Amino acid sequence: MDKIIDFYTGYEGEPEIIFYFENAEDKHVQLKVWIGHFDAIMVAIEPTPNGWNGLSRYYHTDTGWVEESPWKIPDLDEALHNIQHADNAKLDHTALLVYHNLCELLHQAKIMNQNVWIEYS
C-alpha cells in the first residue's frame, strides 16, 4: 500500500514534482507537489557564501530532475540540511505544509537509509 501526501490536486495540467522512496515494508512513500509550492520553498533559501548547495543548487541551475526524471537525490544529508534553511516566514500556509512534509520525508528516508527520487512532469 502506498502512502501519498498530495499537494498537487487542483493544479492538474501544471508542472508536478513527486518525491518518493520505498520503506522497509515495500511501501512507496510519496509527496506530490505543485511546482508553485516547491518554487516558493526554493526562493526562501538563501545561497551560502560559497553559492547554492543541496536541492537549491539543482533548482537554480536547472539540472537534476529537470534534465532527467526520475532523478535520485545524490546527497540526502546535504538536501535535508539545505531545505531546513528555508526562511519559513516567506512561505504561505500551503507552502509551509509542503515544507514540513518534505523535511519529514527526507528525514524518514535518511533514518531508513533509503534513496529519495524526484519525478518532474
Protein backbone atom coordinates (compact mmCIF):
# COMPACT_ATOMS: atom_id res chain seq x y z
CA MET A 1 0.00 0.00 0.00
CA ASP A 2 1.27 3.45 -0.90
CA LYS A 3 1.36 6.44 1.41
CA ILE A 4 0.64 9.50 -0.70
CA ILE A 5 0.62 13.07 0.54
CA ASP A 6 -0.97 15.25 -2.14
CA PHE A 7 -0.35 18.96 -2.62
CA TYR A 8 -0.96 18.75 -6.37
CA THR A 9 -4.70 18.07 -6.76
CA GLY A 10 -6.37 21.17 -8.13
CA TYR A 11 -3.34 22.10 -10.23
CA GLU A 12 -3.76 19.41 -12.89
CA GLY A 13 -2.17 20.43 -16.17
CA GLU A 14 0.58 22.41 -14.42
CA PRO A 15 4.04 21.05 -13.55
CA GLU A 16 4.18 18.48 -10.75
CA ILE A 17 7.07 17.22 -8.63
CA ILE A 18 6.86 13.88 -6.83
CA PHE A 19 9.33 13.00 -4.09
CA TYR A 20 9.35 9.32 -3.14
CA PHE A 21 11.17 6.40 -1.56
CA GLU A 22 10.37 2.82 -0.60
CA ASN A 23 10.34 1.89 3.06
CA ALA A 24 11.21 -1.46 4.62
CA GLU A 25 7.71 -2.83 4.09
CA ASP A 26 8.00 -2.24 0.30
CA LYS A 27 5.57 0.63 0.59
CA HIS A 28 6.03 3.70 -1.55
CA VAL A 29 6.04 6.96 0.34
CA GLN A 30 5.18 9.87 -1.98
CA LEU A 31 4.87 13.61 -1.68
CA LYS A 32 3.10 15.10 -4.72
CA VAL A 33 3.64 18.85 -5.06
CA TRP A 34 2.52 21.58 -7.44
CA ILE A 35 5.63 23.33 -8.78
CA GLY A 36 4.47 26.70 -7.37
CA HIS A 37 4.69 25.42 -3.79
CA PHE A 38 8.15 23.98 -4.44
CA ASP A 39 9.25 27.23 -6.14
CA ALA A 40 8.22 29.15 -3.01
CA ILE A 41 10.41 26.90 -0.84
CA MET A 42 13.40 27.21 -3.17
CA VAL A 43 13.07 31.02 -3.27
CA ALA A 44 13.02 31.06 0.56
CA ILE A 45 16.53 29.52 0.67
CA GLU A 46 19.47 31.91 0.51
CA PRO A 47 22.79 30.86 -1.04
CA THR A 48 25.73 30.18 1.26
CA PRO A 49 28.90 32.28 0.94
CA ASN A 50 30.13 29.50 -1.39
CA GLY A 51 26.97 29.65 -3.54
CA TRP A 52 23.97 27.35 -3.88
CA ASN A 53 24.09 23.86 -2.44
CA GLY A 54 21.77 20.92 -1.94
CA LEU A 55 18.50 20.93 -3.83
CA SER A 56 18.64 24.70 -4.31
CA ARG A 57 21.79 24.29 -6.46
CA TYR A 58 19.94 21.92 -8.82
CA TYR A 59 16.89 24.17 -8.80
CA HIS A 60 18.77 27.38 -9.63
CA THR A 61 20.93 25.73 -12.31
CA ASP A 62 18.04 23.81 -13.94
CA THR A 63 19.85 20.50 -13.53
CA GLY A 64 18.98 17.20 -11.87
CA TRP A 65 15.28 16.39 -12.01
CA VAL A 66 14.70 18.98 -14.75
CA GLU A 67 17.01 17.07 -17.12
CA GLU A 68 16.34 13.52 -16.00
CA SER A 69 13.24 12.07 -14.39
CA PRO A 70 13.12 10.14 -12.17
CA TRP A 71 16.26 11.52 -10.60
CA LYS A 72 17.94 10.27 -7.42
CA ILE A 73 18.93 12.94 -4.92
CA PRO A 74 22.71 12.40 -4.81
CA ASP A 75 23.34 13.58 -1.23
CA LEU A 76 20.37 13.24 1.10
CA ASP A 77 22.15 14.85 4.07
CA GLU A 78 23.01 17.92 2.01
CA ALA A 79 19.48 18.12 0.58
CA LEU A 80 17.88 17.90 4.02
CA HIS A 81 20.28 20.47 5.50
CA ASN A 82 19.60 22.81 2.58
CA ILE A 83 15.81 22.54 2.81
CA GLN A 84 15.89 23.09 6.58
CA HIS A 85 17.45 26.51 5.98
CA ALA A 86 14.46 27.92 4.11
CA ASP A 87 13.11 31.12 5.64
CA ASN A 88 9.70 29.89 6.80
CA ALA A 89 8.44 33.46 7.20
CA LYS A 90 8.46 33.75 3.38
CA LEU A 91 6.11 30.78 2.92
CA ASP A 92 2.34 30.91 2.74
CA HIS A 93 0.27 28.37 4.67
CA THR A 94 0.23 25.66 1.99
CA ALA A 95 3.91 26.07 1.06
CA LEU A 96 4.72 25.77 4.76
CA LEU A 97 2.78 22.48 4.93
CA VAL A 98 4.68 21.23 1.88
CA TYR A 99 7.94 22.32 3.51
CA HIS A 100 7.21 20.36 6.70
CA ASN A 101 6.15 17.27 4.76
CA LEU A 102 9.23 17.44 2.53
CA CYS A 103 11.53 17.75 5.56
CA GLU A 104 9.77 14.77 7.16
CA LEU A 105 10.05 12.65 4.00
CA LEU A 106 13.76 13.41 3.63
CA HIS A 107 14.35 12.77 7.33
CA GLN A 108 12.49 9.43 7.28
CA ALA A 109 14.39 8.30 4.18
CA LYS A 110 17.67 9.24 5.87
CA ILE A 111 16.78 7.25 9.02
CA MET A 112 15.82 4.25 6.89
CA ASN A 113 18.95 4.63 4.72
CA GLN A 114 16.80 4.91 1.57
CA ASN A 115 17.30 6.82 -1.66
CA VAL A 116 14.88 9.61 -2.47
CA TRP A 117 13.80 10.06 -6.05
CA ILE A 118 12.24 13.08 -7.75
CA GLU A 119 9.89 12.83 -10.71
CA TYR A 120 9.13 16.01 -12.62
CA SER A 121 6.33 16.31 -15.12
